[in-house]
Amino acid sequence: MSYETIARQGENRFLIVDAEYISGETLQDGAMCRIVDTQQGTMSDTMPVASVMAHSPGWTDRTQVDESFPDIDELLEMVDMESVPSESMEETVE
């Protein structure tokens, strides 16, 4: 599964989305995401992007910032994979 970082919240929280939901700079409707917290080394369960954006304000879209976002592999290296919820995106999307 290939993820892309699409937004950040502060210095340590990043929104990652399965790359199949991204077309150029456009996010498809119904996209599912996870939140990576590099300070705590955690990754959330899968949830709808629209829900995250609606209930957790303060996300900066990658198209709105000049600085480069960390590479997805760098982000995932900071996560304790044992703490990640076992449900995968593939099981969530029908």
N, C-alpha and C. Protein backbone atom coordinates (compact mmCIF):
# COMPACT_ATOMS: atom_id res chain seq x y z
N MET A 1 0.85 -1.19 0.00
CA MET A 1 0.00 0.00 0.00
C MET A 1 0.89 1.24 0.00
N SER A 2 0.53 2.19 -0.79
CA SER A 2 1.33 3.40 -0.94
C SER A 2 0.57 4.59 -0.36
N TYR A 3 1.20 5.28 0.57
CA TYR A 3 0.57 6.45 1.19
C TYR A 3 1.24 7.72 0.71
N GLU A 4 0.49 8.82 0.79
CA GLU A 4 1.06 10.15 0.55
C GLU A 4 0.63 11.06 1.68
N THR A 5 1.52 11.97 2.07
CA THR A 5 1.20 12.96 3.09
C THR A 5 0.47 14.11 2.42
N ILE A 6 -0.72 14.44 2.92
CA ILE A 6 -1.50 15.50 2.26
C ILE A 6 -1.65 16.76 3.11
N ALA A 7 -1.42 16.67 4.42
CA ALA A 7 -1.61 17.85 5.27
C ALA A 7 -0.82 17.68 6.56
N ARG A 8 -0.60 18.79 7.23
CA ARG A 8 0.08 18.74 8.53
C ARG A 8 -0.67 19.62 9.52
N GLN A 9 -0.51 19.30 10.80
CA GLN A 9 -1.10 20.08 11.88
C GLN A 9 0.03 20.31 12.87
N GLY A 10 0.53 21.53 12.92
CA GLY A 10 1.67 21.81 13.78
C GLY A 10 2.93 21.14 13.25
N GLU A 11 3.85 20.82 14.15
CA GLU A 11 5.12 20.23 13.74
C GLU A 11 5.09 18.70 13.69
N ASN A 12 4.14 18.09 14.40
CA ASN A 12 4.24 16.65 14.62
C ASN A 12 3.10 15.80 14.11
N ARG A 13 2.04 16.40 13.60
CA ARG A 13 0.89 15.60 13.15
C ARG A 13 0.73 15.72 11.64
N PHE A 14 0.62 14.58 10.99
CA PHE A 14 0.53 14.53 9.54
C PHE A 14 -0.64 13.66 9.12
N LEU A 15 -1.32 14.08 8.07
CA LEU A 15 -2.44 13.33 7.52
C LEU A 15 -1.93 12.56 6.32
N ILE A 16 -2.06 11.23 6.35
CA ILE A 16 -1.62 10.43 5.22
C ILE A 16 -2.81 9.73 4.59
N VAL A 17 -2.77 9.61 3.27
CA VAL A 17 -3.88 9.04 2.50
C VAL A 17 -3.32 8.00 1.56
N ASP A 18 -4.07 6.93 1.35
CA ASP A 18 -3.71 5.93 0.37
C ASP A 18 -3.60 6.64 -0.98
N ALA A 19 -2.50 6.44 -1.68
CA ALA A 19 -2.24 7.15 -2.94
C ALA A 19 -3.32 6.91 -3.99
N GLU A 20 -4.05 5.81 -3.90
CA GLU A 20 -5.09 5.56 -4.90
C GLU A 20 -6.22 6.59 -4.84
N TYR A 21 -6.32 7.35 -3.73
CA TYR A 21 -7.35 8.38 -3.59
C TYR A 21 -6.90 9.74 -4.14
N ILE A 22 -5.66 9.81 -4.63
CA ILE A 22 -5.12 11.09 -5.08
C ILE A 22 -4.96 11.08 -6.59
N SER A 23 -5.50 12.13 -7.21
CA SER A 23 -5.37 12.29 -8.65
C SER A 23 -4.76 13.67 -8.89
N GLY A 24 -3.47 13.72 -9.17
CA GLY A 24 -2.76 15.00 -9.29
C GLY A 24 -2.74 15.68 -7.94
N GLU A 25 -3.33 16.87 -7.85
CA GLU A 25 -3.43 17.57 -6.56
C GLU A 25 -4.85 17.47 -5.99
N THR A 26 -5.67 16.60 -6.58
CA THR A 26 -7.06 16.48 -6.16
C THR A 26 -7.28 15.21 -5.36
N LEU A 27 -7.99 15.37 -4.26
CA LEU A 27 -8.34 14.24 -3.41
C LEU A 27 -9.74 13.77 -3.79
N GLN A 28 -9.88 12.49 -4.03
CA GLN A 28 -11.17 11.95 -4.44
C GLN A 28 -12.15 11.94 -3.27
N ASP A 29 -13.45 12.06 -3.58
CA ASP A 29 -14.48 11.97 -2.55
C ASP A 29 -14.40 10.62 -1.87
N GLY A 30 -14.66 10.61 -0.58
CA GLY A 30 -14.67 9.36 0.17
C GLY A 30 -13.30 8.86 0.57
N ALA A 31 -12.28 9.69 0.39
CA ALA A 31 -10.91 9.28 0.72
C ALA A 31 -10.79 8.96 2.21
N MET A 32 -10.04 7.92 2.51
CA MET A 32 -9.79 7.52 3.89
C MET A 32 -8.34 7.86 4.25
N CYS A 33 -8.12 8.21 5.52
CA CYS A 33 -6.79 8.64 5.93
C CYS A 33 -6.43 8.08 7.30
N ARG A 34 -5.20 8.33 7.67
CA ARG A 34 -4.71 8.05 9.02
C ARG A 34 -3.93 9.27 9.47
N ILE A 35 -3.86 9.48 10.79
CA ILE A 35 -3.08 10.58 11.34
C ILE A 35 -1.81 9.98 11.95
N VAL A 36 -0.67 10.51 11.53
CA VAL A 36 0.61 10.09 12.09
C VAL A 36 1.07 11.18 13.04
N ASP A 37 1.37 10.80 14.28
CA ASP A 37 1.89 11.74 15.27
C ASP A 37 3.34 11.34 15.53
N THR A 38 4.28 12.14 15.00
CA THR A 38 5.69 11.76 15.10
C THR A 38 6.25 11.98 16.50
N GLN A 39 5.64 12.86 17.28
CA GLN A 39 6.12 13.09 18.64
C GLN A 39 5.80 11.87 19.52
N GLN A 40 4.60 11.33 19.36
CA GLN A 40 4.19 10.18 20.16
C GLN A 40 4.53 8.85 19.48
N GLY A 41 4.88 8.91 18.19
CA GLY A 41 5.21 7.69 17.46
C GLY A 41 3.98 6.83 17.22
N THR A 42 2.84 7.47 16.94
CA THR A 42 1.60 6.72 16.77
C THR A 42 0.97 7.00 15.40
N MET A 43 0.11 6.07 14.99
CA MET A 43 -0.68 6.25 13.78
C MET A 43 -2.09 5.82 14.12
N SER A 44 -3.05 6.66 13.72
CA SER A 44 -4.46 6.41 14.06
C SER A 44 -5.05 5.29 13.23
N ASP A 45 -6.26 4.91 13.59
CA ASP A 45 -7.05 4.00 12.78
C ASP A 45 -7.46 4.76 11.52
N THR A 46 -8.00 4.06 10.57
CA THR A 46 -8.45 4.66 9.32
C THR A 46 -9.76 5.43 9.54
N MET A 47 -9.84 6.63 8.97
CA MET A 47 -11.06 7.44 9.10
C MET A 47 -11.22 8.31 7.85
N PRO A 48 -12.44 8.79 7.59
CA PRO A 48 -12.65 9.63 6.40
C PRO A 48 -11.93 10.97 6.52
N VAL A 49 -11.30 11.40 5.45
CA VAL A 49 -10.60 12.69 5.43
C VAL A 49 -11.57 13.82 5.77
N ALA A 50 -12.75 13.80 5.18
CA ALA A 50 -13.72 14.88 5.42
C ALA A 50 -14.05 15.00 6.91
N SER A 51 -14.16 13.89 7.60
CA SER A 51 -14.47 13.89 9.03
C SER A 51 -13.33 14.51 9.83
N VAL A 52 -12.10 14.14 9.49
CA VAL A 52 -10.94 14.69 10.20
C VAL A 52 -10.87 16.20 10.01
N MET A 53 -11.03 16.65 8.78
CA MET A 53 -10.96 18.08 8.49
C MET A 53 -12.08 18.85 9.19
N ALA A 54 -13.24 18.25 9.30
CA ALA A 54 -14.39 18.92 9.93
C ALA A 54 -14.25 19.00 11.45
N HIS A 55 -13.69 17.96 12.07
CA HIS A 55 -13.67 17.88 13.53
C HIS A 55 -12.34 18.26 14.17
N SER A 56 -11.32 18.41 13.36
CA SER A 56 -10.00 18.74 13.90
C SER A 56 -9.39 19.87 13.06
N PRO A 57 -9.76 21.12 13.38
CA PRO A 57 -9.29 22.26 12.58
C PRO A 57 -7.78 22.48 12.72
N GLY A 58 -7.23 23.26 11.82
CA GLY A 58 -5.83 23.63 11.91
C GLY A 58 -4.91 22.84 11.00
N TRP A 59 -5.47 22.09 10.08
CA TRP A 59 -4.64 21.34 9.13
C TRP A 59 -4.19 22.27 8.02
N THR A 60 -2.94 22.15 7.63
CA THR A 60 -2.40 22.92 6.51
C THR A 60 -2.18 21.98 5.35
N ASP A 61 -2.87 22.23 4.26
CA ASP A 61 -2.77 21.40 3.06
C ASP A 61 -1.37 21.53 2.46
N ARG A 62 -0.85 20.45 1.90
CA ARG A 62 0.50 20.50 1.35
C ARG A 62 0.63 21.49 0.20
N THR A 63 -0.48 21.84 -0.44
CA THR A 63 -0.41 22.80 -1.55
C THR A 63 -0.34 24.24 -1.03
N GLN A 64 -0.54 24.45 0.28
CA GLN A 64 -0.55 25.80 0.85
C GLN A 64 0.76 26.18 1.52
N VAL A 65 1.72 25.29 1.56
CA VAL A 65 2.98 25.58 2.26
C VAL A 65 4.16 25.47 1.30
N ASP A 66 5.18 26.26 1.58
CA ASP A 66 6.37 26.25 0.73
C ASP A 66 7.33 25.13 1.14
N GLU A 67 7.40 24.87 2.44
CA GLU A 67 8.36 23.86 2.90
C GLU A 67 7.91 22.48 2.44
N SER A 68 8.87 21.62 2.26
CA SER A 68 8.52 20.29 1.82
C SER A 68 8.06 19.46 3.01
N PHE A 69 7.14 18.58 2.76
CA PHE A 69 6.66 17.67 3.79
C PHE A 69 7.65 16.51 3.90
N PRO A 70 7.75 15.91 5.08
CA PRO A 70 8.65 14.76 5.20
C PRO A 70 8.20 13.65 4.24
N ASP A 71 9.17 12.91 3.78
CA ASP A 71 8.89 11.75 2.95
C ASP A 71 8.05 10.76 3.76
N ILE A 72 7.13 10.07 3.10
CA ILE A 72 6.25 9.14 3.81
C ILE A 72 7.05 8.06 4.52
N ASP A 73 8.14 7.61 3.93
CA ASP A 73 8.96 6.58 4.58
C ASP A 73 9.58 7.11 5.87
N GLU A 74 10.00 8.39 5.86
CA GLU A 74 10.55 9.01 7.07
C GLU A 74 9.49 9.06 8.17
N LEU A 75 8.26 9.43 7.79
CA LEU A 75 7.17 9.49 8.77
C LEU A 75 6.92 8.13 9.39
N LEU A 76 6.80 7.11 8.55
CA LEU A 76 6.46 5.78 9.04
C LEU A 76 7.57 5.19 9.90
N GLU A 77 8.82 5.62 9.68
CA GLU A 77 9.92 5.15 10.52
C GLU A 77 9.77 5.65 11.96
N MET A 78 9.06 6.77 12.14
CA MET A 78 8.87 7.35 13.48
C MET A 78 7.70 6.74 14.23
N VAL A 79 6.97 5.82 13.58
CA VAL A 79 5.78 5.22 14.19
C VAL A 79 6.14 3.87 14.79
N ASP A 80 5.64 3.62 16.00
CA ASP A 80 5.75 2.31 16.61
C ASP A 80 4.66 1.45 15.99
N MET A 81 5.04 0.63 15.01
CA MET A 81 4.05 -0.12 14.24
C MET A 81 3.25 -1.11 15.10
N GLU A 82 3.77 -1.47 16.24
CA GLU A 82 3.03 -2.37 17.15
C GLU A 82 1.80 -1.68 17.71
N SER A 83 1.83 -0.33 17.75
CA SER A 83 0.70 0.42 18.33
C SER A 83 -0.36 0.78 17.31
N VAL A 84 -0.11 0.50 16.04
CA VAL A 84 -1.05 0.87 14.98
C VAL A 84 -2.25 -0.08 15.00
N PRO A 85 -3.46 0.48 14.95
CA PRO A 85 -4.65 -0.38 14.89
C PRO A 85 -4.52 -1.38 13.74
N SER A 86 -4.97 -2.58 13.97
CA SER A 86 -4.75 -3.66 12.99
C SER A 86 -5.60 -3.55 11.74
N GLU A 87 -6.69 -2.80 11.81
CA GLU A 87 -7.56 -2.67 10.64
C GLU A 87 -6.80 -1.96 9.52
N SER A 88 -6.79 -2.55 8.35
CA SER A 88 -6.10 -1.92 7.23
C SER A 88 -7.09 -1.13 6.38
N MET A 89 -6.57 -0.25 5.55
CA MET A 89 -7.43 0.55 4.68
C MET A 89 -8.18 -0.35 3.70
N GLU A 90 -7.54 -1.41 3.26
CA GLU A 90 -8.17 -2.28 2.28
C GLU A 90 -9.43 -2.93 2.84
N GLU A 91 -9.43 -3.21 4.14
CA GLU A 91 -10.61 -3.82 4.75
C GLU A 91 -11.73 -2.79 4.90
N THR A 92 -11.35 -1.52 5.04
CA THR A 92 -12.33 -0.46 5.26
C THR A 92 -13.04 -0.06 3.97
N VAL A 93 -12.29 -0.03 2.88
CA VAL A 93 -12.83 0.40 1.60
C VAL A 93 -13.48 -0.79 0.89
N GLU A 94 -14.70 -0.59 0.44
CA GLU A 94 -15.37 -1.70 -0.23
C GLU A 94 -15.49 -1.46 -1.71
